[in-house]
Amino acid sequence: MKVVSQLARHFWMQGALSPEQAEYLVHQGFVKAETLGLGANGRLGVCELA
């Protein structure tokens, strides 16, 4: 899943993923919240996004 994590991070940093899409990827286990800079619970607003 490393490739999926790298792609998700790339698209998140480029602004190509919406917050809802990022939360979905975390919730489904495709990527860890920390990889995208989300809070520990995978929700936005817990910490600043990159």
Protein backbone atom coordinates (compact mmCIF):
# COMPACT_ATOMS: atom_id res chain seq x y z
CA MET A 1 0.00 0.00 0.00
CA LYS A 2 3.00 2.29 0.01
CA VAL A 3 2.29 3.40 -3.57
CA VAL A 4 -1.31 4.27 -2.66
CA SER A 5 -0.08 6.29 0.33
CA GLN A 6 2.43 8.14 -1.83
CA LEU A 7 -0.17 8.93 -4.48
CA ALA A 8 -2.71 10.06 -1.89
CA ARG A 9 -0.14 12.35 -0.27
CA HIS A 10 0.89 13.77 -3.65
CA PHE A 11 -2.68 14.52 -4.70
CA TRP A 12 -3.55 15.91 -1.25
CA MET A 13 -0.58 18.27 -1.30
CA GLN A 14 -1.51 19.41 -4.83
CA GLY A 15 -5.05 20.15 -3.71
CA ALA A 16 -6.52 17.54 -6.05
CA LEU A 17 -8.29 15.66 -3.22
CA SER A 18 -11.21 17.18 -1.38
CA PRO A 19 -11.32 16.88 2.40
CA GLU A 20 -14.15 14.37 2.06
CA GLN A 21 -12.11 12.23 -0.33
CA ALA A 22 -9.11 12.33 2.03
CA GLU A 23 -11.29 11.29 4.96
CA TYR A 24 -12.72 8.43 2.90
CA LEU A 25 -9.23 7.12 2.07
CA VAL A 26 -8.29 7.21 5.76
CA HIS A 27 -11.56 5.64 6.90
CA GLN A 28 -11.24 2.78 4.40
CA GLY A 29 -7.65 2.11 5.47
CA PHE A 30 -5.96 3.04 2.21
CA VAL A 31 -3.77 5.66 3.90
CA LYS A 32 -2.89 6.63 7.46
CA ALA A 33 -4.16 9.97 8.76
CA GLU A 34 -0.62 11.02 9.64
CA THR A 35 0.44 10.57 6.01
CA LEU A 36 -1.94 13.32 4.95
CA GLY A 37 -1.36 15.48 8.01
CA LEU A 38 -4.83 14.81 9.38
CA GLY A 39 -5.62 14.33 13.03
CA ALA A 40 -5.17 10.96 14.72
CA ASN A 41 -8.85 10.17 14.19
CA GLY A 42 -8.62 10.93 10.46
CA ARG A 43 -10.82 14.01 10.67
CA LEU A 44 -9.99 17.46 9.41
CA GLY A 45 -9.68 20.38 11.76
CA VAL A 46 -7.70 18.51 14.41
CA CYS A 47 -4.36 19.82 13.15
CA GLU A 48 -3.16 22.09 10.36
CA LEU A 49 -2.91 20.58 6.91
CA ALA A 50 0.27 20.87 4.91
